[in-house]
Amino acid sequence: MAGPQLEIVKFGVYVFFPVGVMLYFGGPQFYDNYVKGIKFWPDYNTTYKPPTTSKEVRDALEQMKAEREDRWIKALKAKQEQKQQQQQQQDQQ
């Protein structure tokens, strides 16, 4: 055993280390320098606002359906072009 002096030092570290950490990280200077500048929430004007009335819901649904249909058409055209290119390459060989 190391003796009572080591126990006193360990006790001091156990008690004063958390107190020192709280004083450093909980102080107003640390908050002003490191925490205050962080923007946690996005700007309200740039966030998505869900529709609130039934007309807005219907309009949003129609818009989503149109966008989905456009994506499907683009994917179908790309797939057809890819097949045509593969057939042309096979024909050339």
N, C-alpha and C. Protein backbone atom coordinates (compact mmCIF):
# COMPACT_ATOMS: atom_id res chain seq x y z
N MET A 1 0.83 -1.17 0.00
CA MET A 1 0.00 0.00 0.00
C MET A 1 0.88 1.25 0.00
N ALA A 2 0.34 2.28 -0.58
CA ALA A 2 1.11 3.50 -0.73
C ALA A 2 0.97 4.45 0.45
N GLY A 3 -0.08 4.30 1.21
CA GLY A 3 -0.20 5.13 2.40
C GLY A 3 -1.31 6.15 2.29
N PRO A 4 -1.56 6.81 3.39
CA PRO A 4 -2.66 7.77 3.43
C PRO A 4 -2.42 9.01 2.58
N GLN A 5 -1.16 9.37 2.34
CA GLN A 5 -0.90 10.57 1.53
C GLN A 5 -1.38 10.36 0.09
N LEU A 6 -1.19 9.18 -0.45
CA LEU A 6 -1.66 8.89 -1.81
C LEU A 6 -3.17 8.93 -1.85
N GLU A 7 -3.82 8.44 -0.80
CA GLU A 7 -5.27 8.47 -0.76
C GLU A 7 -5.78 9.90 -0.73
N ILE A 8 -5.11 10.77 -0.03
CA ILE A 8 -5.51 12.18 0.02
C ILE A 8 -5.35 12.82 -1.35
N VAL A 9 -4.28 12.51 -2.05
CA VAL A 9 -4.06 13.05 -3.39
C VAL A 9 -5.13 12.53 -4.35
N LYS A 10 -5.41 11.25 -4.29
CA LYS A 10 -6.45 10.69 -5.15
C LYS A 10 -7.80 11.34 -4.86
N PHE A 11 -8.13 11.52 -3.60
CA PHE A 11 -9.38 12.16 -3.23
C PHE A 11 -9.43 13.59 -3.78
N GLY A 12 -8.34 14.29 -3.68
CA GLY A 12 -8.29 15.66 -4.20
C GLY A 12 -8.51 15.70 -5.70
N VAL A 13 -7.92 14.75 -6.43
CA VAL A 13 -8.12 14.69 -7.88
C VAL A 13 -9.56 14.35 -8.19
N TYR A 14 -10.13 13.39 -7.48
CA TYR A 14 -11.52 12.99 -7.73
C TYR A 14 -12.49 14.14 -7.48
N VAL A 15 -12.21 14.99 -6.51
CA VAL A 15 -13.12 16.08 -6.17
C VAL A 15 -12.86 17.29 -7.05
N PHE A 16 -11.62 17.69 -7.21
CA PHE A 16 -11.33 18.97 -7.85
C PHE A 16 -11.25 18.90 -9.37
N PHE A 17 -11.01 17.76 -9.94
CA PHE A 17 -11.00 17.66 -11.41
C PHE A 17 -12.38 17.97 -12.00
N PRO A 18 -13.47 17.34 -11.53
CA PRO A 18 -14.79 17.71 -12.07
C PRO A 18 -15.15 19.17 -11.80
N VAL A 19 -14.76 19.69 -10.64
CA VAL A 19 -15.05 21.09 -10.34
C VAL A 19 -14.30 22.00 -11.32
N GLY A 20 -13.06 21.70 -11.58
CA GLY A 20 -12.29 22.50 -12.54
C GLY A 20 -12.87 22.42 -13.95
N VAL A 21 -13.29 21.24 -14.36
CA VAL A 21 -13.90 21.08 -15.68
C VAL A 21 -15.19 21.89 -15.76
N MET A 22 -16.00 21.85 -14.71
CA MET A 22 -17.25 22.63 -14.71
C MET A 22 -16.96 24.13 -14.75
N LEU A 23 -15.95 24.56 -14.04
CA LEU A 23 -15.61 25.98 -14.05
C LEU A 23 -15.12 26.42 -15.42
N TYR A 24 -14.33 25.59 -16.10
CA TYR A 24 -13.79 25.96 -17.41
C TYR A 24 -14.88 25.92 -18.48
N PHE A 25 -15.57 24.80 -18.60
CA PHE A 25 -16.56 24.64 -19.68
C PHE A 25 -17.88 25.34 -19.37
N GLY A 26 -18.16 25.63 -18.12
CA GLY A 26 -19.40 26.29 -17.77
C GLY A 26 -19.28 27.79 -17.65
N GLY A 27 -18.08 28.31 -17.85
CA GLY A 27 -17.88 29.75 -17.72
C GLY A 27 -18.42 30.53 -18.90
N PRO A 28 -18.74 31.79 -18.68
CA PRO A 28 -19.32 32.60 -19.76
C PRO A 28 -18.34 32.88 -20.90
N GLN A 29 -17.06 32.94 -20.61
CA GLN A 29 -16.08 33.20 -21.67
C GLN A 29 -16.03 32.02 -22.65
N PHE A 30 -16.04 30.80 -22.14
CA PHE A 30 -16.05 29.62 -23.01
C PHE A 30 -17.32 29.61 -23.85
N TYR A 31 -18.46 29.93 -23.24
CA TYR A 31 -19.74 29.96 -23.96
C TYR A 31 -19.69 31.00 -25.08
N ASP A 32 -19.20 32.18 -24.78
CA ASP A 32 -19.14 33.23 -25.79
C ASP A 32 -18.21 32.87 -26.94
N ASN A 33 -17.09 32.23 -26.64
CA ASN A 33 -16.10 31.93 -27.68
C ASN A 33 -16.47 30.73 -28.54
N TYR A 34 -17.07 29.70 -27.97
CA TYR A 34 -17.22 28.44 -28.69
C TYR A 34 -18.67 28.01 -28.95
N VAL A 35 -19.59 28.38 -28.09
CA VAL A 35 -20.95 27.86 -28.20
C VAL A 35 -21.90 28.87 -28.85
N LYS A 36 -21.75 30.12 -28.56
CA LYS A 36 -22.72 31.13 -28.98
C LYS A 36 -22.81 31.25 -30.49
N GLY A 37 -21.73 31.05 -31.20
CA GLY A 37 -21.72 31.22 -32.65
C GLY A 37 -22.32 30.06 -33.42
N ILE A 38 -22.61 28.95 -32.78
CA ILE A 38 -23.13 27.77 -33.46
C ILE A 38 -24.61 27.99 -33.74
N LYS A 39 -25.00 27.82 -35.01
CA LYS A 39 -26.41 27.93 -35.36
C LYS A 39 -26.99 26.52 -35.40
N PHE A 40 -27.74 26.20 -34.36
CA PHE A 40 -28.27 24.85 -34.24
C PHE A 40 -29.50 24.67 -35.10
N TRP A 41 -30.42 25.63 -35.08
CA TRP A 41 -31.66 25.52 -35.82
C TRP A 41 -31.52 26.22 -37.16
N PRO A 42 -32.07 25.65 -38.22
CA PRO A 42 -31.99 26.31 -39.53
C PRO A 42 -32.87 27.56 -39.56
N ASP A 43 -32.61 28.41 -40.53
CA ASP A 43 -33.39 29.63 -40.69
C ASP A 43 -34.83 29.26 -41.03
N TYR A 44 -35.78 29.92 -40.40
CA TYR A 44 -37.19 29.58 -40.58
C TYR A 44 -37.64 29.81 -42.02
N ASN A 45 -37.12 30.81 -42.68
CA ASN A 45 -37.55 31.13 -44.04
C ASN A 45 -37.09 30.10 -45.06
N THR A 46 -36.04 29.36 -44.76
CA THR A 46 -35.51 28.39 -45.72
C THR A 46 -35.99 26.96 -45.43
N THR A 47 -36.72 26.75 -44.36
CA THR A 47 -37.18 25.41 -44.03
C THR A 47 -38.44 25.06 -44.81
N TYR A 48 -38.72 23.78 -44.89
CA TYR A 48 -39.90 23.30 -45.58
C TYR A 48 -41.13 23.57 -44.72
N LYS A 49 -42.13 24.14 -45.33
CA LYS A 49 -43.38 24.40 -44.63
C LYS A 49 -44.45 23.47 -45.20
N PRO A 50 -44.92 22.51 -44.44
CA PRO A 50 -45.91 21.56 -44.96
C PRO A 50 -47.24 22.26 -45.24
N PRO A 51 -48.00 21.73 -46.17
CA PRO A 51 -49.30 22.34 -46.48
C PRO A 51 -50.24 22.22 -45.29
N THR A 52 -51.10 23.26 -45.14
CA THR A 52 -51.99 23.28 -43.99
C THR A 52 -53.46 23.13 -44.38
N THR A 53 -53.82 23.59 -45.56
CA THR A 53 -55.22 23.46 -45.97
C THR A 53 -55.36 22.29 -46.93
N SER A 54 -56.59 21.86 -47.12
CA SER A 54 -56.82 20.71 -48.00
C SER A 54 -56.46 21.06 -49.45
N LYS A 55 -56.65 22.29 -49.86
CA LYS A 55 -56.28 22.69 -51.22
C LYS A 55 -54.77 22.63 -51.41
N GLU A 56 -54.04 23.11 -50.40
CA GLU A 56 -52.58 23.06 -50.47
C GLU A 56 -52.09 21.61 -50.48
N VAL A 57 -52.74 20.76 -49.73
CA VAL A 57 -52.37 19.33 -49.70
C VAL A 57 -52.57 18.71 -51.08
N ARG A 58 -53.73 18.99 -51.69
CA ARG A 58 -53.99 18.45 -53.03
C ARG A 58 -52.98 18.97 -54.04
N ASP A 59 -52.67 20.28 -53.98
CA ASP A 59 -51.69 20.85 -54.91
C ASP A 59 -50.31 20.22 -54.71
N ALA A 60 -49.92 20.05 -53.45
CA ALA A 60 -48.62 19.43 -53.17
C ALA A 60 -48.59 17.99 -53.66
N LEU A 61 -49.68 17.27 -53.49
CA LEU A 61 -49.76 15.89 -53.96
C LEU A 61 -49.65 15.82 -55.47
N GLU A 62 -50.35 16.71 -56.17
CA GLU A 62 -50.26 16.74 -57.63
C GLU A 62 -48.84 17.08 -58.09
N GLN A 63 -48.21 18.00 -57.39
CA GLN A 63 -46.83 18.36 -57.75
C GLN A 63 -45.89 17.18 -57.53
N MET A 64 -46.04 16.46 -56.43
CA MET A 64 -45.20 15.29 -56.16
C MET A 64 -45.42 14.20 -57.21
N LYS A 65 -46.68 14.00 -57.59
CA LYS A 65 -46.98 13.00 -58.62
C LYS A 65 -46.34 13.39 -59.94
N ALA A 66 -46.40 14.68 -60.31
CA ALA A 66 -45.80 15.13 -61.56
C ALA A 66 -44.29 14.96 -61.53
N GLU A 67 -43.67 15.29 -60.40
CA GLU A 67 -42.21 15.13 -60.29
C GLU A 67 -41.82 13.66 -60.38
N ARG A 68 -42.60 12.80 -59.74
CA ARG A 68 -42.31 11.36 -59.79
C ARG A 68 -42.46 10.83 -61.21
N GLU A 69 -43.49 11.28 -61.90
CA GLU A 69 -43.70 10.84 -63.27
C GLU A 69 -42.56 11.32 -64.17
N ASP A 70 -42.08 12.54 -63.96
CA ASP A 70 -40.94 13.04 -64.73
C ASP A 70 -39.69 12.20 -64.49
N ARG A 71 -39.47 11.84 -63.23
CA ARG A 71 -38.30 10.99 -62.91
C ARG A 71 -38.42 9.64 -63.60
N TRP A 72 -39.62 9.06 -63.60
CA TRP A 72 -39.83 7.76 -64.25
C TRP A 72 -39.58 7.87 -65.75
N ILE A 73 -40.08 8.92 -66.36
CA ILE A 73 -39.89 9.11 -67.81
C ILE A 73 -38.42 9.27 -68.13
N LYS A 74 -37.70 10.06 -67.34
CA LYS A 74 -36.26 10.25 -67.57
C LYS A 74 -35.51 8.92 -67.42
N ALA A 75 -35.87 8.15 -66.40
CA ALA A 75 -35.20 6.86 -66.19
C ALA A 75 -35.50 5.90 -67.33
N LEU A 76 -36.74 5.90 -67.81
CA LEU A 76 -37.12 5.03 -68.92
C LEU A 76 -36.36 5.42 -70.19
N LYS A 77 -36.27 6.72 -70.47
CA LYS A 77 -35.54 7.17 -71.65
C LYS A 77 -34.06 6.81 -71.56
N ALA A 78 -33.48 6.99 -70.37
CA ALA A 78 -32.07 6.64 -70.19
C ALA A 78 -31.85 5.15 -70.40
N LYS A 79 -32.77 4.34 -69.91
CA LYS A 79 -32.65 2.90 -70.08
C LYS A 79 -32.78 2.51 -71.55
N GLN A 80 -33.70 3.13 -72.27
CA GLN A 80 -33.87 2.84 -73.69
C GLN A 80 -32.64 3.27 -74.49
N GLU A 81 -32.08 4.43 -74.16
CA GLU A 81 -30.85 4.88 -74.85
C GLU A 81 -29.71 3.92 -74.58
N GLN A 82 -29.62 3.43 -73.36
CA GLN A 82 -28.56 2.48 -73.02
C GLN A 82 -28.72 1.19 -73.83
N LYS A 83 -29.93 0.72 -73.96
CA LYS A 83 -30.17 -0.49 -74.75
C LYS A 83 -29.82 -0.26 -76.21
N GLN A 84 -30.18 0.91 -76.73
CA GLN A 84 -29.85 1.21 -78.13
C GLN A 84 -28.35 1.25 -78.34
N GLN A 85 -27.63 1.83 -77.41
CA GLN A 85 -26.18 1.89 -77.53
C GLN A 85 -25.58 0.48 -77.48
N GLN A 86 -26.11 -0.36 -76.62
CA GLN A 86 -25.61 -1.74 -76.53
C GLN A 86 -25.90 -2.49 -77.84
N GLN A 87 -27.06 -2.28 -78.42
CA GLN A 87 -27.39 -2.93 -79.68
C GLN A 87 -26.50 -2.43 -80.80
N GLN A 88 -26.21 -1.15 -80.82
CA GLN A 88 -25.34 -0.61 -81.85
C GLN A 88 -23.92 -1.17 -81.72
N GLN A 89 -23.45 -1.33 -80.47
CA GLN A 89 -22.14 -1.90 -80.27
C GLN A 89 -22.11 -3.36 -80.71
N GLN A 90 -23.18 -4.10 -80.45
CA GLN A 90 -23.24 -5.49 -80.88
C GLN A 90 -23.31 -5.59 -82.39
N ASP A 91 -24.05 -4.67 -83.02
CA ASP A 91 -24.14 -4.68 -84.47
C ASP A 91 -22.80 -4.37 -85.13
N GLN A 92 -22.02 -3.52 -84.54
CA GLN A 92 -20.71 -3.15 -85.10
C GLN A 92 -19.71 -4.30 -84.98
N GLN A 93 -19.89 -5.17 -84.04
CA GLN A 93 -18.96 -6.27 -83.85
C GLN A 93 -19.34 -7.37 -84.77
